[in-house]
Amino acid sequence: MLVEEIMKDHVITLTPDETIETALKLLHEHHIRHIPIIDEDRAVIGIVSDRDVRDASPSILEEDTGQEELQYPIRSIMTYPVTTVHPLDFVEETASIFYEQEIACVPVTRDGKLVGIVTEKDMLYTLIQLTGTHVQSSQIEVKVINKPGILPQVTQVFGKRRVNISSILIYPYKPDANYKVVVVRIQTMNPLPTVQDLEEAGYEVLWPKKPESPYDL
C-alpha cells in the first residue's frame, strides 16, 4: 500500500509569519493536531503541534497574563527541519518512521511541494484495514516451520471449506526462530471446522484454543 492511498490531500497550513493565535484558532476549528508551515512555494519549512501551541499560550491559572505571547510569529515555536515522505513511498516504511522518530505526523511532498499529510490516526486506521478487523471475521493463528513455500501449503487447507480470507499476516515465533506464526482472518463466525482441518493436516493451531473436554480434567 502506498502513502498516496491513505494521505489527506486537503491540508491546513500556515506561513511562518502568521501568529500563534491564528494557529490556535485553526487547531480548534478543524479539530486537528498538526499544522505544516510552508513558504511561498509550498515547501515545508516547519511544523507545529497542538502541544507546541498550548505550551506557548498564556496560562489561565496565572493572574494578569497578557496576550502578547499569542501574537508571536509561528516561526518562533515551529519544529524544523521536518521529516517528509513521498506519495509513492510504502505505508510500511512510513510506519517505521513514526516509530523510530517518535512522531505523530508526516507531511507528504512531491517535487519539494506539500501535497498531503499522514497522521498516526491514518496509520492506525490503515492497520485495521490490513488486518481485516473492520469486518466480521475469525482469527486463526498457525505455527509453521520457517521455510520457503510454506504459506501456499497452509492456505490450501483453508480452501477446503471455501471460506473467504480477509487478511494474512506473518510474524516470528519468539520461542524458536525456526518457526513462524501465520495469522489468518476468515469470514466465518465458526472457525472450528477449519481448525480441525489444519490439525488433521499436521499443523499446530495456537489460536483459537480448542475447548477442554470434561474428560481432560
N, C-alpha and C. Protein backbone atom coordinates (compact mmCIF):
# COMPACT_ATOMS: atom_id res chain seq x y z
N MET A 1 0.84 -1.19 0.00
CA MET A 1 0.00 0.00 0.00
C MET A 1 0.88 1.25 0.00
N LEU A 2 0.49 2.23 -0.80
CA LEU A 2 1.27 3.46 -0.94
C LEU A 2 0.71 4.58 -0.08
N VAL A 3 1.57 5.53 0.23
CA VAL A 3 1.18 6.68 1.05
C VAL A 3 0.04 7.46 0.40
N GLU A 4 0.05 7.60 -0.92
CA GLU A 4 -0.97 8.38 -1.60
C GLU A 4 -2.37 7.79 -1.41
N GLU A 5 -2.44 6.52 -1.04
CA GLU A 5 -3.73 5.87 -0.83
C GLU A 5 -4.34 6.19 0.53
N ILE A 6 -3.54 6.64 1.47
CA ILE A 6 -4.07 6.90 2.82
C ILE A 6 -3.92 8.36 3.25
N MET A 7 -3.15 9.15 2.52
CA MET A 7 -2.90 10.52 2.96
C MET A 7 -4.13 11.40 2.75
N LYS A 8 -4.21 12.47 3.53
CA LYS A 8 -5.22 13.50 3.32
C LYS A 8 -4.61 14.58 2.43
N ASP A 9 -5.27 14.89 1.32
CA ASP A 9 -4.70 15.87 0.40
C ASP A 9 -5.20 17.29 0.66
N HIS A 10 -6.16 17.43 1.56
CA HIS A 10 -6.59 18.77 1.97
C HIS A 10 -5.88 19.09 3.29
N VAL A 11 -4.89 19.95 3.22
CA VAL A 11 -4.04 20.20 4.39
C VAL A 11 -4.17 21.66 4.83
N ILE A 12 -4.44 21.85 6.11
CA ILE A 12 -4.45 23.19 6.69
C ILE A 12 -3.00 23.60 6.93
N THR A 13 -2.61 24.76 6.40
CA THR A 13 -1.22 25.20 6.52
C THR A 13 -1.15 26.64 7.03
N LEU A 14 0.05 27.04 7.42
CA LEU A 14 0.33 28.42 7.80
C LEU A 14 1.67 28.83 7.22
N THR A 15 1.87 30.13 7.11
CA THR A 15 3.18 30.65 6.74
C THR A 15 3.91 31.04 8.03
N PRO A 16 5.22 31.11 8.00
CA PRO A 16 5.98 31.32 9.24
C PRO A 16 5.71 32.65 9.94
N ASP A 17 5.19 33.64 9.23
CA ASP A 17 4.97 34.95 9.84
C ASP A 17 3.59 35.10 10.47
N GLU A 18 2.73 34.12 10.30
CA GLU A 18 1.41 34.20 10.93
C GLU A 18 1.55 33.92 12.42
N THR A 19 0.54 34.31 13.19
CA THR A 19 0.67 34.31 14.65
C THR A 19 0.31 32.97 15.29
N ILE A 20 0.79 32.81 16.51
CA ILE A 20 0.43 31.64 17.30
C ILE A 20 -1.09 31.61 17.53
N GLU A 21 -1.68 32.79 17.69
CA GLU A 21 -3.13 32.86 17.89
C GLU A 21 -3.87 32.28 16.69
N THR A 22 -3.40 32.55 15.49
CA THR A 22 -4.03 32.01 14.28
C THR A 22 -3.94 30.49 14.28
N ALA A 23 -2.78 29.96 14.66
CA ALA A 23 -2.61 28.51 14.73
C ALA A 23 -3.57 27.90 15.75
N LEU A 24 -3.72 28.56 16.88
CA LEU A 24 -4.61 28.08 17.93
C LEU A 24 -6.05 27.98 17.42
N LYS A 25 -6.48 29.00 16.71
CA LYS A 25 -7.85 29.01 16.16
C LYS A 25 -8.04 27.89 15.14
N LEU A 26 -7.05 27.68 14.27
CA LEU A 26 -7.17 26.65 13.23
C LEU A 26 -7.21 25.26 13.84
N LEU A 27 -6.40 25.03 14.85
CA LEU A 27 -6.39 23.73 15.52
C LEU A 27 -7.75 23.41 16.12
N HIS A 28 -8.39 24.41 16.72
CA HIS A 28 -9.69 24.20 17.34
C HIS A 28 -10.79 24.08 16.29
N GLU A 29 -10.77 24.93 15.29
CA GLU A 29 -11.84 24.95 14.29
C GLU A 29 -11.87 23.66 13.46
N HIS A 30 -10.70 23.15 13.14
CA HIS A 30 -10.64 21.99 12.24
C HIS A 30 -10.39 20.67 12.98
N HIS A 31 -10.29 20.75 14.31
CA HIS A 31 -10.09 19.54 15.14
C HIS A 31 -8.88 18.73 14.64
N ILE A 32 -7.77 19.43 14.47
CA ILE A 32 -6.53 18.80 14.02
C ILE A 32 -5.46 18.99 15.09
N ARG A 33 -4.36 18.26 14.94
CA ARG A 33 -3.30 18.32 15.95
C ARG A 33 -1.99 18.85 15.40
N HIS A 34 -1.86 18.98 14.08
CA HIS A 34 -0.62 19.43 13.47
C HIS A 34 -0.90 20.37 12.30
N ILE A 35 -0.03 21.35 12.15
CA ILE A 35 -0.13 22.28 11.03
C ILE A 35 1.24 22.43 10.39
N PRO A 36 1.40 22.03 9.13
CA PRO A 36 2.66 22.27 8.43
C PRO A 36 2.84 23.76 8.15
N ILE A 37 4.07 24.22 8.24
CA ILE A 37 4.41 25.61 7.93
C ILE A 37 5.12 25.61 6.58
N ILE A 38 4.59 26.39 5.64
CA ILE A 38 5.12 26.38 4.28
C ILE A 38 5.57 27.78 3.86
N ASP A 39 6.43 27.81 2.84
CA ASP A 39 6.83 29.09 2.28
C ASP A 39 5.99 29.39 1.05
N GLU A 40 6.36 30.44 0.30
CA GLU A 40 5.56 30.85 -0.86
C GLU A 40 5.54 29.82 -1.98
N ASP A 41 6.47 28.88 -1.95
CA ASP A 41 6.50 27.82 -2.97
C ASP A 41 5.86 26.52 -2.48
N ARG A 42 5.20 26.55 -1.33
CA ARG A 42 4.57 25.38 -0.70
C ARG A 42 5.60 24.35 -0.25
N ALA A 43 6.82 24.77 -0.06
CA ALA A 43 7.84 23.88 0.52
C ALA A 43 7.64 23.86 2.04
N VAL A 44 7.76 22.69 2.64
CA VAL A 44 7.57 22.56 4.09
C VAL A 44 8.83 23.00 4.81
N ILE A 45 8.72 24.05 5.62
CA ILE A 45 9.88 24.57 6.34
C ILE A 45 9.76 24.37 7.85
N GLY A 46 8.63 23.87 8.29
CA GLY A 46 8.44 23.63 9.72
C GLY A 46 7.09 22.97 9.98
N ILE A 47 6.85 22.67 11.24
CA ILE A 47 5.55 22.10 11.63
C ILE A 47 5.29 22.46 13.08
N VAL A 48 4.03 22.68 13.42
CA VAL A 48 3.65 22.95 14.81
C VAL A 48 2.56 21.97 15.21
N SER A 49 2.58 21.59 16.47
CA SER A 49 1.57 20.69 17.00
C SER A 49 0.69 21.44 18.00
N ASP A 50 -0.41 20.80 18.38
CA ASP A 50 -1.27 21.42 19.37
C ASP A 50 -0.54 21.59 20.70
N ARG A 51 0.41 20.71 20.97
CA ARG A 51 1.18 20.84 22.20
C ARG A 51 2.11 22.05 22.14
N ASP A 52 2.74 22.28 20.97
CA ASP A 52 3.60 23.45 20.82
C ASP A 52 2.81 24.73 21.10
N VAL A 53 1.61 24.80 20.52
CA VAL A 53 0.78 26.00 20.68
C VAL A 53 0.31 26.13 22.12
N ARG A 54 -0.06 25.03 22.72
CA ARG A 54 -0.53 25.06 24.11
C ARG A 54 0.57 25.53 25.05
N ASP A 55 1.78 25.03 24.82
CA ASP A 55 2.90 25.43 25.68
C ASP A 55 3.25 26.90 25.53
N ALA A 56 2.97 27.45 24.34
CA ALA A 56 3.31 28.85 24.09
C ALA A 56 2.20 29.81 24.48
N SER A 57 1.02 29.27 24.84
CA SER A 57 -0.12 30.12 25.18
C SER A 57 -0.08 30.52 26.64
N PRO A 58 -0.64 31.69 26.98
CA PRO A 58 -0.68 32.12 28.38
C PRO A 58 -1.49 31.16 29.23
N SER A 59 -1.06 30.93 30.46
CA SER A 59 -1.78 30.04 31.35
C SER A 59 -2.99 30.74 31.94
N ILE A 60 -4.12 30.04 31.97
CA ILE A 60 -5.33 30.63 32.56
C ILE A 60 -5.25 30.65 34.09
N LEU A 61 -4.25 29.99 34.62
CA LEU A 61 -4.11 29.92 36.08
C LEU A 61 -3.28 31.08 36.63
N GLU A 62 -2.62 31.81 35.72
CA GLU A 62 -1.80 32.91 36.17
C GLU A 62 -2.55 34.22 36.02
N GLU A 63 -2.50 35.04 37.05
CA GLU A 63 -3.19 36.32 37.02
C GLU A 63 -2.38 37.34 36.22
N ASP A 64 -3.11 38.26 35.63
CA ASP A 64 -2.50 39.39 34.92
C ASP A 64 -1.58 38.95 33.77
N THR A 65 -1.93 37.83 33.14
CA THR A 65 -1.14 37.42 31.98
C THR A 65 -1.64 38.14 30.75
N GLY A 66 -0.71 38.67 29.98
CA GLY A 66 -1.09 39.36 28.76
C GLY A 66 -1.27 38.39 27.62
N GLN A 67 -1.73 38.90 26.50
CA GLN A 67 -1.97 38.08 25.31
C GLN A 67 -0.88 38.30 24.27
N GLU A 68 0.19 39.00 24.65
CA GLU A 68 1.21 39.30 23.65
C GLU A 68 1.91 38.05 23.13
N GLU A 69 1.95 36.97 23.97
CA GLU A 69 2.60 35.75 23.51
C GLU A 69 1.89 35.16 22.29
N LEU A 70 0.58 35.34 22.23
CA LEU A 70 -0.19 34.80 21.11
C LEU A 70 0.07 35.55 19.81
N GLN A 71 0.67 36.72 19.90
CA GLN A 71 0.95 37.50 18.69
C GLN A 71 2.34 37.23 18.13
N TYR A 72 3.09 36.35 18.80
CA TYR A 72 4.40 35.99 18.26
C TYR A 72 4.23 35.22 16.96
N PRO A 73 5.17 35.35 16.03
CA PRO A 73 5.08 34.58 14.78
C PRO A 73 5.24 33.09 15.03
N ILE A 74 4.59 32.32 14.21
CA ILE A 74 4.62 30.87 14.38
C ILE A 74 6.02 30.30 14.21
N ARG A 75 6.89 31.02 13.51
CA ARG A 75 8.26 30.56 13.32
C ARG A 75 9.00 30.43 14.65
N SER A 76 8.50 31.15 15.67
CA SER A 76 9.18 31.14 16.97
C SER A 76 8.97 29.83 17.73
N ILE A 77 7.98 29.05 17.35
CA ILE A 77 7.73 27.79 18.07
C ILE A 77 7.72 26.57 17.15
N MET A 78 7.85 26.77 15.84
CA MET A 78 7.74 25.62 14.94
C MET A 78 8.98 24.72 15.05
N THR A 79 8.76 23.45 14.72
CA THR A 79 9.83 22.46 14.71
C THR A 79 10.39 22.35 13.30
N TYR A 80 11.70 22.33 13.20
CA TYR A 80 12.35 22.18 11.89
C TYR A 80 13.74 21.59 12.12
N PRO A 81 14.34 20.92 11.14
CA PRO A 81 13.74 20.54 9.86
C PRO A 81 12.66 19.47 10.06
N VAL A 82 11.89 19.22 9.00
CA VAL A 82 10.74 18.33 9.09
C VAL A 82 10.97 17.08 8.26
N THR A 83 10.69 15.93 8.85
CA THR A 83 10.73 14.68 8.10
C THR A 83 9.50 14.61 7.20
N THR A 84 9.71 14.33 5.93
CA THR A 84 8.61 14.21 4.98
C THR A 84 8.69 12.87 4.26
N VAL A 85 7.60 12.50 3.62
CA VAL A 85 7.58 11.30 2.79
C VAL A 85 7.01 11.65 1.42
N HIS A 86 7.18 10.71 0.47
CA HIS A 86 6.69 10.90 -0.91
C HIS A 86 5.40 10.11 -1.08
N PRO A 87 4.49 10.57 -1.93
CA PRO A 87 3.24 9.83 -2.15
C PRO A 87 3.44 8.37 -2.57
N LEU A 88 4.56 8.07 -3.23
CA LEU A 88 4.80 6.71 -3.70
C LEU A 88 5.63 5.87 -2.74
N ASP A 89 5.89 6.41 -1.54
CA ASP A 89 6.54 5.62 -0.51
C ASP A 89 5.55 4.57 0.02
N PHE A 90 6.09 3.49 0.56
CA PHE A 90 5.23 2.45 1.12
C PHE A 90 4.76 2.85 2.52
N VAL A 91 3.53 2.49 2.83
CA VAL A 91 2.96 2.79 4.15
C VAL A 91 3.78 2.12 5.25
N GLU A 92 4.26 0.89 4.99
CA GLU A 92 5.04 0.18 5.99
C GLU A 92 6.31 0.95 6.35
N GLU A 93 6.96 1.56 5.35
CA GLU A 93 8.17 2.34 5.61
C GLU A 93 7.83 3.61 6.41
N THR A 94 6.69 4.18 6.11
CA THR A 94 6.25 5.37 6.84
C THR A 94 5.96 5.03 8.30
N ALA A 95 5.38 3.86 8.53
CA ALA A 95 5.12 3.42 9.90
C ALA A 95 6.42 3.30 10.68
N SER A 96 7.47 2.85 10.02
CA SER A 96 8.78 2.74 10.68
C SER A 96 9.30 4.12 11.08
N ILE A 97 9.05 5.12 10.25
CA ILE A 97 9.46 6.50 10.57
C ILE A 97 8.73 6.99 11.82
N PHE A 98 7.43 6.72 11.89
CA PHE A 98 6.65 7.11 13.07
C PHE A 98 7.25 6.50 14.32
N TYR A 99 7.60 5.22 14.25
CA TYR A 99 8.11 4.51 15.42
C TYR A 99 9.52 4.98 15.79
N GLU A 100 10.41 5.04 14.80
CA GLU A 100 11.81 5.34 15.08
C GLU A 100 12.01 6.78 15.53
N GLN A 101 11.25 7.71 14.95
CA GLN A 101 11.43 9.12 15.29
C GLN A 101 10.44 9.60 16.36
N GLU A 102 9.53 8.72 16.77
CA GLU A 102 8.55 9.04 17.81
C GLU A 102 7.77 10.31 17.45
N ILE A 103 7.23 10.31 16.24
CA ILE A 103 6.43 11.43 15.77
C ILE A 103 5.02 10.95 15.49
N ALA A 104 4.10 11.90 15.34
CA ALA A 104 2.69 11.55 15.16
C ALA A 104 2.13 12.05 13.85
N CYS A 105 3.00 12.58 12.98
CA CYS A 105 2.53 13.16 11.74
C CYS A 105 3.69 13.35 10.79
N VAL A 106 3.46 13.11 9.48
CA VAL A 106 4.48 13.42 8.47
C VAL A 106 3.81 14.10 7.28
N PRO A 107 4.31 15.26 6.87
CA PRO A 107 3.83 15.87 5.64
C PRO A 107 4.27 15.03 4.43
N VAL A 108 3.48 15.08 3.38
CA VAL A 108 3.79 14.36 2.14
C VAL A 108 4.13 15.39 1.07
N THR A 109 5.29 15.24 0.44
CA THR A 109 5.73 16.21 -0.56
C THR A 109 6.07 15.52 -1.88
N ARG A 110 5.86 16.26 -2.95
CA ARG A 110 6.27 15.82 -4.28
C ARG A 110 6.96 17.00 -4.95
N ASP A 111 8.16 16.75 -5.47
CA ASP A 111 8.95 17.83 -6.10
C ASP A 111 9.14 19.01 -5.14
N GLY A 112 9.29 18.69 -3.85
CA GLY A 112 9.55 19.73 -2.86
C GLY A 112 8.34 20.51 -2.42
N LYS A 113 7.14 20.15 -2.89
CA LYS A 113 5.92 20.89 -2.54
C LYS A 113 4.98 20.00 -1.73
N LEU A 114 4.30 20.62 -0.78
CA LEU A 114 3.35 19.89 0.07
C LEU A 114 2.14 19.44 -0.73
N VAL A 115 1.82 18.14 -0.66
CA VAL A 115 0.65 17.61 -1.37
C VAL A 115 -0.29 16.83 -0.45
N GLY A 116 0.13 16.58 0.79
CA GLY A 116 -0.73 15.82 1.68
C GLY A 116 -0.13 15.70 3.06
N ILE A 117 -0.81 14.94 3.90
CA ILE A 117 -0.33 14.72 5.26
C ILE A 117 -0.83 13.36 5.74
N VAL A 118 -0.01 12.68 6.55
CA VAL A 118 -0.38 11.40 7.15
C VAL A 118 -0.20 11.53 8.66
N THR A 119 -1.22 11.16 9.41
CA THR A 119 -1.16 11.23 10.87
C THR A 119 -1.18 9.83 11.46
N GLU A 120 -0.91 9.75 12.76
CA GLU A 120 -0.94 8.46 13.43
C GLU A 120 -2.33 7.83 13.38
N LYS A 121 -3.37 8.66 13.33
CA LYS A 121 -4.73 8.13 13.21
C LYS A 121 -4.92 7.45 11.86
N ASP A 122 -4.37 8.05 10.81
CA ASP A 122 -4.43 7.43 9.48
C ASP A 122 -3.71 6.08 9.50
N MET A 123 -2.56 6.02 10.18
CA MET A 123 -1.79 4.79 10.24
C MET A 123 -2.55 3.70 10.99
N LEU A 124 -3.21 4.07 12.09
CA LEU A 124 -3.96 3.09 12.86
C LEU A 124 -5.15 2.55 12.06
N TYR A 125 -5.83 3.44 11.34
CA TYR A 125 -6.96 3.00 10.52
C TYR A 125 -6.49 2.07 9.41
N THR A 126 -5.33 2.37 8.84
CA THR A 126 -4.76 1.50 7.80
C THR A 126 -4.44 0.13 8.37
N LEU A 127 -3.89 0.10 9.59
CA LEU A 127 -3.60 -1.17 10.24
C LEU A 127 -4.87 -2.00 10.43
N ILE A 128 -5.95 -1.33 10.81
CA ILE A 128 -7.23 -2.02 10.97
C ILE A 128 -7.67 -2.64 9.65
N GLN A 129 -7.52 -1.89 8.55
CA GLN A 129 -7.90 -2.40 7.23
C GLN A 129 -7.01 -3.58 6.83
N LEU A 130 -5.70 -3.45 7.04
CA LEU A 130 -4.78 -4.50 6.62
C LEU A 130 -4.99 -5.80 7.40
N THR A 131 -5.38 -5.68 8.66
CA THR A 131 -5.59 -6.88 9.47
C THR A 131 -6.99 -7.46 9.31
N GLY A 132 -7.89 -6.71 8.68
CA GLY A 132 -9.23 -7.23 8.44
C GLY A 132 -10.15 -7.19 9.63
N THR A 133 -9.78 -6.48 10.68
CA THR A 133 -10.61 -6.45 11.89
C THR A 133 -11.85 -5.57 11.73
N HIS A 134 -11.96 -4.85 10.62
CA HIS A 134 -13.12 -3.98 10.40
C HIS A 134 -14.31 -4.75 9.84
N VAL A 135 -14.14 -6.03 9.53
CA VAL A 135 -15.25 -6.85 9.04
C VAL A 135 -15.44 -8.03 10.00
N GLN A 136 -16.64 -8.59 10.01
CA GLN A 136 -16.90 -9.74 10.87
C GLN A 136 -16.05 -10.91 10.40
N SER A 137 -15.25 -11.42 11.30
CA SER A 137 -14.33 -12.49 10.91
C SER A 137 -13.82 -13.20 12.16
N SER A 138 -13.13 -14.32 11.92
CA SER A 138 -12.49 -15.06 13.00
C SER A 138 -11.00 -15.16 12.71
N GLN A 139 -10.21 -15.13 13.76
CA GLN A 139 -8.75 -15.18 13.62
C GLN A 139 -8.23 -16.56 13.99
N ILE A 140 -7.34 -17.07 13.11
CA ILE A 140 -6.69 -18.35 13.37
C ILE A 140 -5.18 -18.13 13.30
N GLU A 141 -4.47 -18.61 14.31
CA GLU A 141 -3.02 -18.50 14.34
C GLU A 141 -2.41 -19.89 14.24
N VAL A 142 -1.53 -20.07 13.24
CA VAL A 142 -0.96 -21.38 12.96
C VAL A 142 0.56 -21.31 13.07
N LYS A 143 1.13 -22.21 13.82
CA LYS A 143 2.59 -22.32 13.93
C LYS A 143 3.10 -23.17 12.77
N VAL A 144 4.04 -22.59 12.00
CA VAL A 144 4.56 -23.31 10.83
C VAL A 144 6.08 -23.23 10.82
N ILE A 145 6.70 -24.19 10.14
CA ILE A 145 8.14 -24.16 10.01
C ILE A 145 8.55 -23.02 9.09
N ASN A 146 9.65 -22.36 9.41
CA ASN A 146 10.12 -21.22 8.62
C ASN A 146 10.91 -21.71 7.41
N LYS A 147 10.19 -21.96 6.31
CA LYS A 147 10.85 -22.43 5.10
C LYS A 147 10.09 -21.91 3.88
N PRO A 148 10.76 -21.81 2.71
CA PRO A 148 10.09 -21.34 1.50
C PRO A 148 8.93 -22.26 1.12
N GLY A 149 7.85 -21.64 0.64
CA GLY A 149 6.72 -22.40 0.14
C GLY A 149 5.71 -22.84 1.17
N ILE A 150 5.93 -22.50 2.43
CA ILE A 150 5.03 -22.97 3.47
C ILE A 150 3.67 -22.27 3.42
N LEU A 151 3.65 -20.98 3.04
CA LEU A 151 2.39 -20.24 3.05
C LEU A 151 1.36 -20.83 2.08
N PRO A 152 1.73 -21.14 0.81
CA PRO A 152 0.74 -21.76 -0.08
C PRO A 152 0.21 -23.09 0.46
N GLN A 153 1.06 -23.83 1.15
CA GLN A 153 0.62 -25.10 1.71
C GLN A 153 -0.45 -24.89 2.78
N VAL A 154 -0.24 -23.85 3.62
CA VAL A 154 -1.20 -23.57 4.69
C VAL A 154 -2.53 -23.07 4.11
N THR A 155 -2.46 -22.14 3.18
CA THR A 155 -3.69 -21.56 2.62
C THR A 155 -4.49 -22.58 1.82
N GLN A 156 -3.81 -23.60 1.32
CA GLN A 156 -4.52 -24.66 0.61
C GLN A 156 -5.51 -25.38 1.53
N VAL A 157 -5.15 -25.50 2.80
CA VAL A 157 -6.04 -26.13 3.76
C VAL A 157 -7.29 -25.27 3.96
N PHE A 158 -7.12 -23.96 3.97
CA PHE A 158 -8.27 -23.06 4.16
C PHE A 158 -9.25 -23.18 2.99
N GLY A 159 -8.73 -23.49 1.82
CA GLY A 159 -9.59 -23.61 0.65
C GLY A 159 -10.55 -24.78 0.72
N LYS A 160 -10.30 -25.73 1.58
CA LYS A 160 -11.15 -26.91 1.69
C LYS A 160 -12.57 -26.52 2.09
N ARG A 161 -12.71 -25.52 2.95
CA ARG A 161 -14.03 -25.10 3.43
C ARG A 161 -14.62 -23.95 2.60
N ARG A 162 -13.87 -23.51 1.61
CA ARG A 162 -14.33 -22.41 0.74
C ARG A 162 -14.70 -21.15 1.54
N VAL A 163 -13.90 -20.86 2.58
CA VAL A 163 -14.13 -19.64 3.36
C VAL A 163 -13.29 -18.51 2.76
N ASN A 164 -13.82 -17.31 2.83
CA ASN A 164 -13.12 -16.15 2.29
C ASN A 164 -12.08 -15.65 3.29
N ILE A 165 -10.85 -15.43 2.83
CA ILE A 165 -9.78 -14.93 3.68
C ILE A 165 -9.76 -13.40 3.63
N SER A 166 -9.87 -12.76 4.80
CA SER A 166 -9.85 -11.29 4.87
C SER A 166 -8.43 -10.74 4.88
N SER A 167 -7.52 -11.42 5.58
CA SER A 167 -6.15 -10.94 5.66
C SER A 167 -5.23 -12.06 6.13
N ILE A 168 -3.94 -11.91 5.78
CA ILE A 168 -2.91 -12.85 6.23
C ILE A 168 -1.71 -12.05 6.72
N LEU A 169 -1.27 -12.34 7.93
CA LEU A 169 -0.07 -11.71 8.49
C LEU A 169 0.87 -12.81 8.96
N ILE A 170 2.16 -12.52 8.93
CA ILE A 170 3.16 -13.48 9.40
C ILE A 170 4.10 -12.77 10.37
N TYR A 171 4.34 -13.37 11.53
CA TYR A 171 5.29 -12.78 12.45
C TYR A 171 6.13 -13.89 13.09
N PRO A 172 7.27 -13.54 13.68
CA PRO A 172 8.17 -14.55 14.24
C PRO A 172 7.54 -15.30 15.41
N TYR A 173 7.92 -16.55 15.54
CA TYR A 173 7.55 -17.34 16.71
C TYR A 173 8.70 -17.21 17.71
N LYS A 174 8.52 -16.39 18.73
CA LYS A 174 9.62 -15.99 19.60
C LYS A 174 10.35 -17.14 20.30
N PRO A 175 9.64 -18.18 20.73
CA PRO A 175 10.38 -19.25 21.41
C PRO A 175 11.37 -20.00 20.53
N ASP A 176 11.15 -19.97 19.19
CA ASP A 176 12.02 -20.75 18.30
C ASP A 176 12.07 -20.06 16.93
N ALA A 177 13.24 -19.57 16.55
CA ALA A 177 13.38 -18.84 15.28
C ALA A 177 13.20 -19.73 14.06
N ASN A 178 13.13 -21.02 14.25
CA ASN A 178 12.92 -21.93 13.13
C ASN A 178 11.45 -21.99 12.70
N TYR A 179 10.60 -21.29 13.45
CA TYR A 179 9.17 -21.31 13.16
C TYR A 179 8.63 -19.89 12.97
N LYS A 180 7.50 -19.81 12.30
CA LYS A 180 6.76 -18.56 12.14
C LYS A 180 5.32 -18.79 12.60
N VAL A 181 4.60 -17.70 12.81
CA VAL A 181 3.18 -17.78 13.11
C VAL A 181 2.42 -17.12 11.95
N VAL A 182 1.56 -17.87 11.32
CA VAL A 182 0.72 -17.35 10.25
C VAL A 182 -0.63 -17.00 10.85
N VAL A 183 -1.01 -15.74 10.76
CA VAL A 183 -2.28 -15.27 11.31
C VAL A 183 -3.24 -15.02 10.15
N VAL A 184 -4.32 -15.77 10.12
CA VAL A 184 -5.29 -15.69 9.02
C VAL A 184 -6.65 -15.29 9.57
N ARG A 185 -7.25 -14.29 8.96
CA ARG A 185 -8.62 -13.91 9.32
C ARG A 185 -9.55 -14.43 8.23
N ILE A 186 -10.55 -15.19 8.63
CA ILE A 186 -11.50 -15.75 7.67
C ILE A 186 -12.90 -15.26 8.00
N GLN A 187 -13.72 -15.09 6.96
CA GLN A 187 -15.05 -14.52 7.15
C GLN A 187 -16.06 -15.62 7.53
N THR A 188 -15.91 -16.07 8.74
CA THR A 188 -16.85 -17.01 9.33
C THR A 188 -16.84 -16.80 10.83
N MET A 189 -17.98 -17.05 11.45
CA MET A 189 -18.06 -16.90 12.90
C MET A 189 -17.73 -18.20 13.63
N ASN A 190 -17.59 -19.28 12.87
CA ASN A 190 -17.23 -20.56 13.48
C ASN A 190 -15.98 -21.12 12.80
N PRO A 191 -14.80 -20.83 13.37
CA PRO A 191 -13.56 -21.28 12.74
C PRO A 191 -13.18 -22.72 13.08
N LEU A 192 -13.94 -23.38 13.96
CA LEU A 192 -13.52 -24.69 14.46
C LEU A 192 -13.40 -25.76 13.37
N PRO A 193 -14.28 -25.81 12.36
CA PRO A 193 -14.07 -26.80 11.30
C PRO A 193 -12.74 -26.59 10.56
N THR A 194 -12.37 -25.34 10.34
CA THR A 194 -11.09 -25.06 9.68
C THR A 194 -9.93 -25.41 10.59
N VAL A 195 -10.08 -25.14 11.88
CA VAL A 195 -9.05 -25.52 12.85
C VAL A 195 -8.84 -27.03 12.81
N GLN A 196 -9.92 -27.78 12.73
CA GLN A 196 -9.82 -29.24 12.66
C GLN A 196 -9.09 -29.68 11.40
N ASP A 197 -9.40 -29.01 10.27
CA ASP A 197 -8.71 -29.33 9.01
C ASP A 197 -7.21 -29.09 9.13
N LEU A 198 -6.83 -28.00 9.77
CA LEU A 198 -5.41 -27.68 9.94
C LEU A 198 -4.71 -28.71 10.80
N GLU A 199 -5.35 -29.10 11.88
CA GLU A 199 -4.74 -30.08 12.77
C GLU A 199 -4.63 -31.45 12.10
N GLU A 200 -5.63 -31.79 11.31
CA GLU A 200 -5.57 -33.06 10.58
C GLU A 200 -4.46 -33.04 9.53
N ALA A 201 -4.14 -31.83 9.04
CA ALA A 201 -3.05 -31.69 8.06
C ALA A 201 -1.69 -31.64 8.73
N GLY A 202 -1.66 -31.70 10.06
CA GLY A 202 -0.40 -31.75 10.79
C GLY A 202 0.10 -30.44 11.32
N TYR A 203 -0.73 -29.38 11.26
CA TYR A 203 -0.30 -28.07 11.74
C TYR A 203 -0.73 -27.86 13.20
N GLU A 204 0.09 -27.11 13.92
CA GLU A 204 -0.24 -26.75 15.30
C GLU A 204 -0.97 -25.42 15.32
N VAL A 205 -2.20 -25.42 15.79
CA VAL A 205 -3.01 -24.21 15.86
C VAL A 205 -2.82 -23.58 17.24
N LEU A 206 -2.30 -22.36 17.26
CA LEU A 206 -2.08 -21.65 18.53
C LEU A 206 -3.34 -20.94 19.02
N TRP A 207 -4.16 -20.54 18.05
CA TRP A 207 -5.43 -19.86 18.38
C TRP A 207 -6.42 -20.06 17.25
N PRO A 208 -7.69 -20.34 17.56
CA PRO A 208 -8.27 -20.46 18.90
C PRO A 208 -7.94 -21.80 19.55
N LYS A 209 -7.89 -21.77 20.86
CA LYS A 209 -7.67 -23.00 21.61
C LYS A 209 -8.95 -23.83 21.59
N LYS A 210 -8.79 -25.11 21.44
CA LYS A 210 -9.96 -25.98 21.46
C LYS A 210 -10.52 -26.04 22.88
N PRO A 211 -11.86 -26.03 23.01
CA PRO A 211 -12.44 -26.12 24.35
C PRO A 211 -12.04 -27.43 25.01
N GLU A 212 -11.74 -27.33 26.29
CA GLU A 212 -11.31 -28.52 27.03
C GLU A 212 -12.47 -29.48 27.22
N SER A 213 -12.17 -30.73 27.04
CA SER A 213 -13.18 -31.78 27.30
C SER A 213 -13.24 -32.03 28.79
N PRO A 214 -14.41 -32.29 29.32
CA PRO A 214 -14.51 -32.60 30.77
C PRO A 214 -13.71 -33.83 31.14
N TYR A 215 -13.44 -34.71 30.14
CA TYR A 215 -12.68 -35.90 30.41
C TYR A 215 -11.17 -35.62 30.57
N ASP A 216 -10.75 -34.37 30.17
CA ASP A 216 -9.35 -33.99 30.30
C ASP A 216 -9.03 -33.46 31.69
N LEU A 217 -10.09 -33.18 32.46
CA LEU A 217 -9.88 -32.58 33.78
C LEU A 217 -9.50 -33.64 34.80
